[in-house]
Amino acid sequence: AGVQPKIPEINLEEAIRLPIQEWKFHIRNDF
């Protein structure tokens, strides 16, 4: 009820392959 669906700006499948210290800049939970 509190989330607005949207097309993601970040490709999560690619972002997860980044060094873990970069995740906080690219990977988020829309909820």
PDB file of all heavy atoms in Angstrom:
ATOM      1  N   ALA A   1       0.822  -1.214   0.000  1.00  0.00           N
ATOM      2  CA  ALA A   1       0.000   0.000   0.000  1.00  0.00           C
ATOM      3  C   ALA A   1       0.853   1.260   0.000  1.00  0.00           C
ATOM      4  O   ALA A   1       0.396   2.328  -0.421  1.00  0.00           O
ATOM      5  CB  ALA A   1      -0.927  -0.005   1.214  1.00  0.00           C
ATOM      6  N   GLY A   2       2.112   1.138   0.444  1.00  0.00           N
ATOM      7  CA  GLY A   2       2.969   2.308   0.545  1.00  0.00           C
ATOM      8  C   GLY A   2       4.033   2.394  -0.528  1.00  0.00           C
ATOM      9  O   GLY A   2       4.965   3.201  -0.406  1.00  0.00           O
ATOM     10  N   VAL A   3       3.933   1.573  -1.582  1.00  0.00           N
ATOM     11  CA  VAL A   3       4.958   1.584  -2.626  1.00  0.00           C
ATOM     12  C   VAL A   3       4.326   1.948  -3.965  1.00  0.00           C
ATOM     13  O   VAL A   3       3.186   1.565  -4.255  1.00  0.00           O
ATOM     14  CB  VAL A   3       5.674   0.212  -2.713  1.00  0.00           C
ATOM     15  CG1 VAL A   3       4.762  -0.859  -3.265  1.00  0.00           C
ATOM     16  CG2 VAL A   3       6.953   0.313  -3.546  1.00  0.00           C
ATOM     17  N   GLN A   4       5.058   2.707  -4.757  1.00  0.00           N
ATOM     18  CA  GLN A   4       4.601   3.101  -6.086  1.00  0.00           C
ATOM     19  C   GLN A   4       5.440   2.356  -7.118  1.00  0.00           C
ATOM     20  O   GLN A   4       6.629   2.637  -7.275  1.00  0.00           O
ATOM     21  CB  GLN A   4       4.756   4.617  -6.276  1.00  0.00           C
ATOM     22  CG  GLN A   4       4.239   5.132  -7.614  1.00  0.00           C
ATOM     23  CD  GLN A   4       2.740   4.943  -7.779  1.00  0.00           C
ATOM     24  OE1 GLN A   4       1.965   5.211  -6.871  1.00  0.00           O
ATOM     25  NE2 GLN A   4       2.332   4.464  -8.944  1.00  0.00           N
ATOM     26  N   PRO A   5       4.850   1.381  -7.830  1.00  0.00           N
ATOM     27  CA  PRO A   5       5.634   0.633  -8.827  1.00  0.00           C
ATOM     28  C   PRO A   5       6.222   1.568  -9.891  1.00  0.00           C
ATOM     29  O   PRO A   5       5.594   2.550 -10.284  1.00  0.00           O
ATOM     30  CB  PRO A   5       4.602  -0.311  -9.445  1.00  0.00           C
ATOM     31  CG  PRO A   5       3.526  -0.441  -8.412  1.00  0.00           C
ATOM     32  CD  PRO A   5       3.461   0.903  -7.750  1.00  0.00           C
ATOM     33  N   LYS A   6       7.438   1.248 -10.315  1.00  0.00           N
ATOM     34  CA  LYS A   6       8.091   2.066 -11.337  1.00  0.00           C
ATOM     35  C   LYS A   6       9.178   1.256 -12.027  1.00  0.00           C
ATOM     36  O   LYS A   6       9.714   0.297 -11.458  1.00  0.00           O
ATOM     37  CB  LYS A   6       8.688   3.332 -10.727  1.00  0.00           C
ATOM     38  CG  LYS A   6       9.749   3.080  -9.662  1.00  0.00           C
ATOM     39  CD  LYS A   6      10.228   4.392  -9.063  1.00  0.00           C
ATOM     40  CE  LYS A   6      11.304   4.200  -8.006  1.00  0.00           C
ATOM     41  NZ  LYS A   6      10.817   3.450  -6.817  1.00  0.00           N
ATOM     42  N   ILE A   7       9.515   1.666 -13.247  1.00  0.00           N
ATOM     43  CA  ILE A   7      10.610   1.028 -13.974  1.00  0.00           C
ATOM     44  C   ILE A   7      11.919   1.400 -13.287  1.00  0.00           C
ATOM     45  O   ILE A   7      12.194   2.595 -13.073  1.00  0.00           O
ATOM     46  CB  ILE A   7      10.635   1.482 -15.445  1.00  0.00           C
ATOM     47  CG1 ILE A   7       9.311   1.135 -16.129  1.00  0.00           C
ATOM     48  CG2 ILE A   7      11.811   0.845 -16.184  1.00  0.00           C
ATOM     49  CD1 ILE A   7       9.003  -0.342 -16.169  1.00  0.00           C
ATOM     50  N   PRO A   8      12.746   0.436 -12.912  1.00  0.00           N
ATOM     51  CA  PRO A   8      13.974   0.751 -12.163  1.00  0.00           C
ATOM     52  C   PRO A   8      15.002   1.473 -13.028  1.00  0.00           C
ATOM     53  O   PRO A   8      15.145   1.198 -14.221  1.00  0.00           O
ATOM     54  CB  PRO A   8      14.481  -0.620 -11.715  1.00  0.00           C
ATOM     55  CG  PRO A   8      13.888  -1.590 -12.678  1.00  0.00           C
ATOM     56  CD  PRO A   8      12.560  -1.018 -13.082  1.00  0.00           C
ATOM     57  N   GLU A   9      15.721   2.385 -12.393  1.00  0.00           N
ATOM     58  CA  GLU A   9      16.805   3.084 -13.076  1.00  0.00           C
ATOM     59  C   GLU A   9      18.095   2.255 -13.062  1.00  0.00           C
ATOM     60  O   GLU A   9      18.962   2.444 -13.911  1.00  0.00           O
ATOM     61  CB  GLU A   9      17.062   4.427 -12.399  1.00  0.00           C
ATOM     62  CG  GLU A   9      15.862   5.382 -12.445  1.00  0.00           C
ATOM     63  CD  GLU A   9      16.126   6.665 -11.693  1.00  0.00           C
ATOM     64  OE1 GLU A   9      17.246   6.820 -11.158  1.00  0.00           O
ATOM     65  OE2 GLU A   9      15.210   7.516 -11.642  1.00  0.00           O
ATOM     66  N   ILE A  10      18.216   1.369 -12.104  1.00  0.00           N
ATOM     67  CA  ILE A  10      19.422   0.553 -11.927  1.00  0.00           C
ATOM     68  C   ILE A  10      19.136  -0.878 -12.349  1.00  0.00           C
ATOM     69  O   ILE A  10      18.089  -1.445 -12.000  1.00  0.00           O
ATOM     70  CB  ILE A  10      19.883   0.564 -10.456  1.00  0.00           C
ATOM     71  CG1 ILE A  10      20.223   1.990 -10.011  1.00  0.00           C
ATOM     72  CG2 ILE A  10      21.074  -0.361 -10.239  1.00  0.00           C
ATOM     73  CD1 ILE A  10      21.414   2.594 -10.685  1.00  0.00           C
ATOM     74  N   ASN A  11      20.038  -1.488 -13.095  1.00  0.00           N
ATOM     75  CA  ASN A  11      19.950  -2.901 -13.433  1.00  0.00           C
ATOM     76  C   ASN A  11      20.476  -3.699 -12.247  1.00  0.00           C
ATOM     77  O   ASN A  11      21.692  -3.770 -12.011  1.00  0.00           O
ATOM     78  CB  ASN A  11      20.772  -3.190 -14.697  1.00  0.00           C
ATOM     79  CG  ASN A  11      20.620  -4.629 -15.166  1.00  0.00           C
ATOM     80  OD1 ASN A  11      20.609  -5.571 -14.369  1.00  0.00           O
ATOM     81  ND2 ASN A  11      20.513  -4.818 -16.461  1.00  0.00           N
ATOM     82  N   LEU A  12      19.565  -4.285 -11.466  1.00  0.00           N
ATOM     83  CA  LEU A  12      19.953  -4.971 -10.239  1.00  0.00           C
ATOM     84  C   LEU A  12      20.858  -6.167 -10.518  1.00  0.00           C
ATOM     85  O   LEU A  12      21.798  -6.443  -9.761  1.00  0.00           O
ATOM     86  CB  LEU A  12      18.701  -5.421  -9.472  1.00  0.00           C
ATOM     87  CG  LEU A  12      18.926  -6.170  -8.168  1.00  0.00           C
ATOM     88  CD1 LEU A  12      19.747  -5.344  -7.188  1.00  0.00           C
ATOM     89  CD2 LEU A  12      17.585  -6.563  -7.538  1.00  0.00           C
ATOM     90  N   GLU A  13      20.595  -6.876 -11.606  1.00  0.00           N
ATOM     91  CA  GLU A  13      21.408  -8.048 -11.931  1.00  0.00           C
ATOM     92  C   GLU A  13      22.872  -7.654 -12.182  1.00  0.00           C
ATOM     93  O   GLU A  13      23.782  -8.419 -11.881  1.00  0.00           O
ATOM     94  CB  GLU A  13      20.835  -8.768 -13.148  1.00  0.00           C
ATOM     95  CG  GLU A  13      21.473 -10.120 -13.408  1.00  0.00           C
ATOM     96  CD  GLU A  13      20.824 -10.854 -14.564  1.00  0.00           C
ATOM     97  OE1 GLU A  13      19.928 -10.291 -15.229  1.00  0.00           O
ATOM     98  OE2 GLU A  13      21.220 -12.017 -14.803  1.00  0.00           O
ATOM     99  N   GLU A  14      23.082  -6.452 -12.699  1.00  0.00           N
ATOM    100  CA  GLU A  14      24.446  -5.960 -12.892  1.00  0.00           C
ATOM    101  C   GLU A  14      24.993  -5.361 -11.600  1.00  0.00           C
ATOM    102  O   GLU A  14      26.167  -5.556 -11.254  1.00  0.00           O
ATOM    103  CB  GLU A  14      24.477  -4.915 -14.008  1.00  0.00           C
ATOM    104  CG  GLU A  14      24.178  -5.476 -15.389  1.00  0.00           C
ATOM    105  CD  GLU A  14      24.210  -4.406 -16.469  1.00  0.00           C
ATOM    106  OE1 GLU A  14      24.489  -3.224 -16.136  1.00  0.00           O
ATOM    107  OE2 GLU A  14      23.952  -4.736 -17.637  1.00  0.00           O
ATOM    108  N   ALA A  15      24.152  -4.653 -10.869  1.00  0.00           N
ATOM    109  CA  ALA A  15      24.606  -3.967  -9.653  1.00  0.00           C
ATOM    110  C   ALA A  15      25.091  -4.951  -8.593  1.00  0.00           C
ATOM    111  O   ALA A  15      26.042  -4.652  -7.855  1.00  0.00           O
ATOM    112  CB  ALA A  15      23.482  -3.089  -9.094  1.00  0.00           C
ATOM    113  N   ILE A  16      24.469  -6.126  -8.534  1.00  0.00           N
ATOM    114  CA  ILE A  16      24.856  -7.096  -7.497  1.00  0.00           C
ATOM    115  C   ILE A  16      26.259  -7.625  -7.736  1.00  0.00           C
ATOM    116  O   ILE A  16      26.907  -8.174  -6.823  1.00  0.00           O
ATOM    117  CB  ILE A  16      23.827  -8.261  -7.429  1.00  0.00           C
ATOM    118  CG1 ILE A  16      23.952  -9.024  -6.106  1.00  0.00           C
ATOM    119  CG2 ILE A  16      23.986  -9.205  -8.611  1.00  0.00           C
ATOM    120  CD1 ILE A  16      23.543  -8.246  -4.896  1.00  0.00           C
ATOM    121  N   ARG A  17      26.786  -7.448  -8.939  1.00  0.00           N
ATOM    122  CA  ARG A  17      28.141  -7.909  -9.261  1.00  0.00           C
ATOM    123  C   ARG A  17      29.197  -6.859  -8.934  1.00  0.00           C
ATOM    124  O   ARG A  17      30.398  -7.130  -9.057  1.00  0.00           O
ATOM    125  CB  ARG A  17      28.220  -8.312 -10.742  1.00  0.00           C
ATOM    126  CG  ARG A  17      27.191  -9.363 -11.135  1.00  0.00           C
ATOM    127  CD  ARG A  17      27.300  -9.779 -12.589  1.00  0.00           C
ATOM    128  NE  ARG A  17      26.130 -10.505 -13.034  1.00  0.00           N
ATOM    129  CZ  ARG A  17      25.865 -11.776 -12.755  1.00  0.00           C
ATOM    130  NH1 ARG A  17      26.728 -12.483 -12.036  1.00  0.00           N
ATOM    131  NH2 ARG A  17      24.756 -12.358 -13.196  1.00  0.00           N
ATOM    132  N   LEU A  18      28.771  -5.673  -8.518  1.00  0.00           N
ATOM    133  CA  LEU A  18      29.714  -4.644  -8.091  1.00  0.00           C
ATOM    134  C   LEU A  18      30.364  -5.041  -6.771  1.00  0.00           C
ATOM    135  O   LEU A  18      29.824  -5.864  -6.025  1.00  0.00           O
ATOM    136  CB  LEU A  18      28.975  -3.315  -7.913  1.00  0.00           C
ATOM    137  CG  LEU A  18      28.395  -2.664  -9.169  1.00  0.00           C
ATOM    138  CD1 LEU A  18      27.498  -1.485  -8.773  1.00  0.00           C
ATOM    139  CD2 LEU A  18      29.499  -2.211 -10.101  1.00  0.00           C
ATOM    140  N   PRO A  19      31.518  -4.453  -6.426  1.00  0.00           N
ATOM    141  CA  PRO A  19      32.088  -4.683  -5.091  1.00  0.00           C
ATOM    142  C   PRO A  19      31.067  -4.330  -4.019  1.00  0.00           C
ATOM    143  O   PRO A  19      30.314  -3.359  -4.153  1.00  0.00           O
ATOM    144  CB  PRO A  19      33.294  -3.732  -5.063  1.00  0.00           C
ATOM    145  CG  PRO A  19      33.658  -3.534  -6.500  1.00  0.00           C
ATOM    146  CD  PRO A  19      32.368  -3.571  -7.258  1.00  0.00           C
ATOM    147  N   ILE A  20      31.032  -5.108  -2.963  1.00  0.00           N
ATOM    148  CA  ILE A  20      29.986  -4.960  -1.955  1.00  0.00           C
ATOM    149  C   ILE A  20      29.962  -3.559  -1.342  1.00  0.00           C
ATOM    150  O   ILE A  20      28.895  -3.047  -0.982  1.00  0.00           O
ATOM    151  CB  ILE A  20      30.123  -6.045  -0.866  1.00  0.00           C
ATOM    152  CG1 ILE A  20      28.897  -6.036   0.060  1.00  0.00           C
ATOM    153  CG2 ILE A  20      31.408  -5.890  -0.083  1.00  0.00           C
ATOM    154  CD1 ILE A  20      28.849  -7.207   1.020  1.00  0.00           C
ATOM    155  N   GLN A  21      31.112  -2.910  -1.254  1.00  0.00           N
ATOM    156  CA  GLN A  21      31.138  -1.564  -0.675  1.00  0.00           C
ATOM    157  C   GLN A  21      30.443  -0.534  -1.555  1.00  0.00           C
ATOM    158  O   GLN A  21      30.171   0.586  -1.119  1.00  0.00           O
ATOM    159  CB  GLN A  21      32.575  -1.130  -0.373  1.00  0.00           C
ATOM    160  CG  GLN A  21      33.511  -1.070  -1.562  1.00  0.00           C
ATOM    161  CD  GLN A  21      34.278  -2.369  -1.757  1.00  0.00           C
ATOM    162  OE1 GLN A  21      33.776  -3.454  -1.420  1.00  0.00           O
ATOM    163  NE2 GLN A  21      35.491  -2.263  -2.277  1.00  0.00           N
ATOM    164  N   GLU A  22      30.112  -0.895  -2.808  1.00  0.00           N
ATOM    165  CA  GLU A  22      29.388   0.010  -3.692  1.00  0.00           C
ATOM    166  C   GLU A  22      27.881  -0.249  -3.698  1.00  0.00           C
ATOM    167  O   GLU A  22      27.122   0.534  -4.285  1.00  0.00           O
ATOM    168  CB  GLU A  22      29.947  -0.099  -5.121  1.00  0.00           C
ATOM    169  CG  GLU A  22      31.395   0.363  -5.252  1.00  0.00           C
ATOM    170  CD  GLU A  22      31.873   0.368  -6.687  1.00  0.00           C
ATOM    171  OE1 GLU A  22      31.020   0.538  -7.592  1.00  0.00           O
ATOM    172  OE2 GLU A  22      33.080   0.195  -6.912  1.00  0.00           O
ATOM    173  N   TRP A  23      27.453  -1.338  -3.061  1.00  0.00           N
ATOM    174  CA  TRP A  23      26.031  -1.683  -3.106  1.00  0.00           C
ATOM    175  C   TRP A  23      25.143  -0.565  -2.567  1.00  0.00           C
ATOM    176  O   TRP A  23      24.064  -0.296  -3.091  1.00  0.00           O
ATOM    177  CB  TRP A  23      25.771  -2.962  -2.310  1.00  0.00           C
ATOM    178  CG  TRP A  23      26.222  -4.216  -2.976  1.00  0.00           C
ATOM    179  CD1 TRP A  23      26.868  -4.340  -4.170  1.00  0.00           C
ATOM    180  CD2 TRP A  23      26.071  -5.549  -2.470  1.00  0.00           C
ATOM    181  NE1 TRP A  23      27.127  -5.665  -4.445  1.00  0.00           N
ATOM    182  CE2 TRP A  23      26.651  -6.424  -3.420  1.00  0.00           C
ATOM    183  CE3 TRP A  23      25.513  -6.078  -1.312  1.00  0.00           C
ATOM    184  CZ2 TRP A  23      26.674  -7.810  -3.234  1.00  0.00           C
ATOM    185  CZ3 TRP A  23      25.530  -7.448  -1.119  1.00  0.00           C
ATOM    186  CH2 TRP A  23      26.102  -8.308  -2.080  1.00  0.00           C
ATOM    187  N   LYS A  24      25.604   0.094  -1.491  1.00  0.00           N
ATOM    188  CA  LYS A  24      24.734   1.089  -0.844  1.00  0.00           C
ATOM    189  C   LYS A  24      24.430   2.271  -1.756  1.00  0.00           C
ATOM    190  O   LYS A  24      23.458   3.007  -1.525  1.00  0.00           O
ATOM    191  CB  LYS A  24      25.353   1.562   0.463  1.00  0.00           C
ATOM    192  CG  LYS A  24      26.663   2.310   0.319  1.00  0.00           C
ATOM    193  CD  LYS A  24      27.197   2.680   1.704  1.00  0.00           C
ATOM    194  CE  LYS A  24      28.547   3.374   1.611  1.00  0.00           C
ATOM    195  NZ  LYS A  24      29.072   3.700   2.975  1.00  0.00           N
ATOM    196  N   PHE A  25      25.202   2.456  -2.808  1.00  0.00           N
ATOM    197  CA  PHE A  25      24.971   3.555  -3.748  1.00  0.00           C
ATOM    198  C   PHE A  25      24.041   3.149  -4.896  1.00  0.00           C
ATOM    199  O   PHE A  25      23.542   4.013  -5.625  1.00  0.00           O
ATOM    200  CB  PHE A  25      26.296   4.060  -4.330  1.00  0.00           C
ATOM    201  CG  PHE A  25      27.296   4.488  -3.295  1.00  0.00           C
ATOM    202  CD1 PHE A  25      28.484   3.793  -3.123  1.00  0.00           C
ATOM    203  CD2 PHE A  25      27.047   5.580  -2.478  1.00  0.00           C
ATOM    204  CE1 PHE A  25      29.413   4.183  -2.174  1.00  0.00           C
ATOM    205  CE2 PHE A  25      27.968   5.979  -1.514  1.00  0.00           C
ATOM    206  CZ  PHE A  25      29.148   5.271  -1.361  1.00  0.00           C
ATOM    207  N   HIS A  26      23.827   1.856  -5.076  1.00  0.00           N
ATOM    208  CA  HIS A  26      23.118   1.385  -6.260  1.00  0.00           C
ATOM    209  C   HIS A  26      21.940   0.448  -5.971  1.00  0.00           C
ATOM    210  O   HIS A  26      21.047   0.325  -6.800  1.00  0.00           O
ATOM    211  CB  HIS A  26      24.087   0.655  -7.194  1.00  0.00           C
ATOM    212  CG  HIS A  26      25.261   1.479  -7.614  1.00  0.00           C
ATOM    213  ND1 HIS A  26      25.178   2.459  -8.585  1.00  0.00           N
ATOM    214  CD2 HIS A  26      26.556   1.483  -7.180  1.00  0.00           C
ATOM    215  CE1 HIS A  26      26.367   3.022  -8.752  1.00  0.00           C
ATOM    216  NE2 HIS A  26      27.221   2.457  -7.911  1.00  0.00           N
ATOM    217  N   ILE A  27      21.970  -0.223  -4.821  1.00  0.00           N
ATOM    218  CA  ILE A  27      20.981  -1.277  -4.556  1.00  0.00           C
ATOM    219  C   ILE A  27      20.075  -0.847  -3.406  1.00  0.00           C
ATOM    220  O   ILE A  27      20.540  -0.550  -2.304  1.00  0.00           O
ATOM    221  CB  ILE A  27      21.682  -2.615  -4.217  1.00  0.00           C
ATOM    222  CG1 ILE A  27      22.519  -3.080  -5.412  1.00  0.00           C
ATOM    223  CG2 ILE A  27      20.648  -3.674  -3.835  1.00  0.00           C
ATOM    224  CD1 ILE A  27      23.306  -4.358  -5.148  1.00  0.00           C
ATOM    225  N   ARG A  28      18.775  -0.821  -3.671  1.00  0.00           N
ATOM    226  CA  ARG A  28      17.831  -0.378  -2.638  1.00  0.00           C
ATOM    227  C   ARG A  28      16.579  -1.248  -2.663  1.00  0.00           C
ATOM    228  O   ARG A  28      16.274  -1.921  -3.650  1.00  0.00           O
ATOM    229  CB  ARG A  28      17.459   1.099  -2.826  1.00  0.00           C
ATOM    230  CG  ARG A  28      16.673   1.386  -4.091  1.00  0.00           C
ATOM    231  CD  ARG A  28      16.494   2.886  -4.309  1.00  0.00           C
ATOM    232  NE  ARG A  28      15.881   3.535  -3.175  1.00  0.00           N
ATOM    233  CZ  ARG A  28      14.566   3.604  -2.972  1.00  0.00           C
ATOM    234  NH1 ARG A  28      13.715   3.040  -3.834  1.00  0.00           N
ATOM    235  NH2 ARG A  28      14.087   4.226  -1.924  1.00  0.00           N
ATOM    236  N   ASN A  29      15.858  -1.189  -1.566  1.00  0.00           N
ATOM    237  CA  ASN A  29      14.584  -1.883  -1.411  1.00  0.00           C
ATOM    238  C   ASN A  29      13.479  -0.838  -1.578  1.00  0.00           C
ATOM    239  O   ASN A  29      13.356   0.085  -0.771  1.00  0.00           O
ATOM    240  CB  ASN A  29      14.525  -2.544  -0.032  1.00  0.00           C
ATOM    241  CG  ASN A  29      13.255  -3.325   0.205  1.00  0.00           C
ATOM    242  OD1 ASN A  29      12.227  -3.078  -0.419  1.00  0.00           O
ATOM    243  ND2 ASN A  29      13.302  -4.272   1.121  1.00  0.00           N
ATOM    244  N   ASP A  30      12.667  -0.987  -2.626  1.00  0.00           N
ATOM    245  CA  ASP A  30      11.626   0.012  -2.907  1.00  0.00           C
ATOM    246  C   ASP A  30      10.590   0.139  -1.800  1.00  0.00           C
ATOM    247  O   ASP A  30       9.888   1.156  -1.720  1.00  0.00           O
ATOM    248  CB  ASP A  30      10.918  -0.331  -4.226  1.00  0.00           C
ATOM    249  CG  ASP A  30      11.758  -0.006  -5.455  1.00  0.00           C
ATOM    250  OD1 ASP A  30      12.803   0.661  -5.306  1.00  0.00           O
ATOM    251  OD2 ASP A  30      11.364  -0.420  -6.566  1.00  0.00           O
ATOM    252  N   PHE A  31      10.467  -0.861  -0.956  1.00  0.00           N
ATOM    253  CA  PHE A  31       9.492  -0.780   0.140  1.00  0.00           C
ATOM    254  C   PHE A  31       9.939   0.186   1.232  1.00  0.00           C
ATOM    255  O   PHE A  31       9.120   0.631   2.039  1.00  0.00           O
ATOM    256  CB  PHE A  31       9.274  -2.158   0.772  1.00  0.00           C
ATOM    257  CG  PHE A  31       8.418  -3.087  -0.051  1.00  0.00           C
ATOM    258  CD1 PHE A  31       8.943  -4.257  -0.574  1.00  0.00           C
ATOM    259  CD2 PHE A  31       7.086  -2.796  -0.310  1.00  0.00           C
ATOM    260  CE1 PHE A  31       8.172  -5.119  -1.326  1.00  0.00           C
ATOM    261  CE2 PHE A  31       6.301  -3.643  -1.065  1.00  0.00           C
ATOM    262  CZ  PHE A  31       6.841  -4.807  -1.579  1.00  0.00           C
TER     263      PHE A  31
END
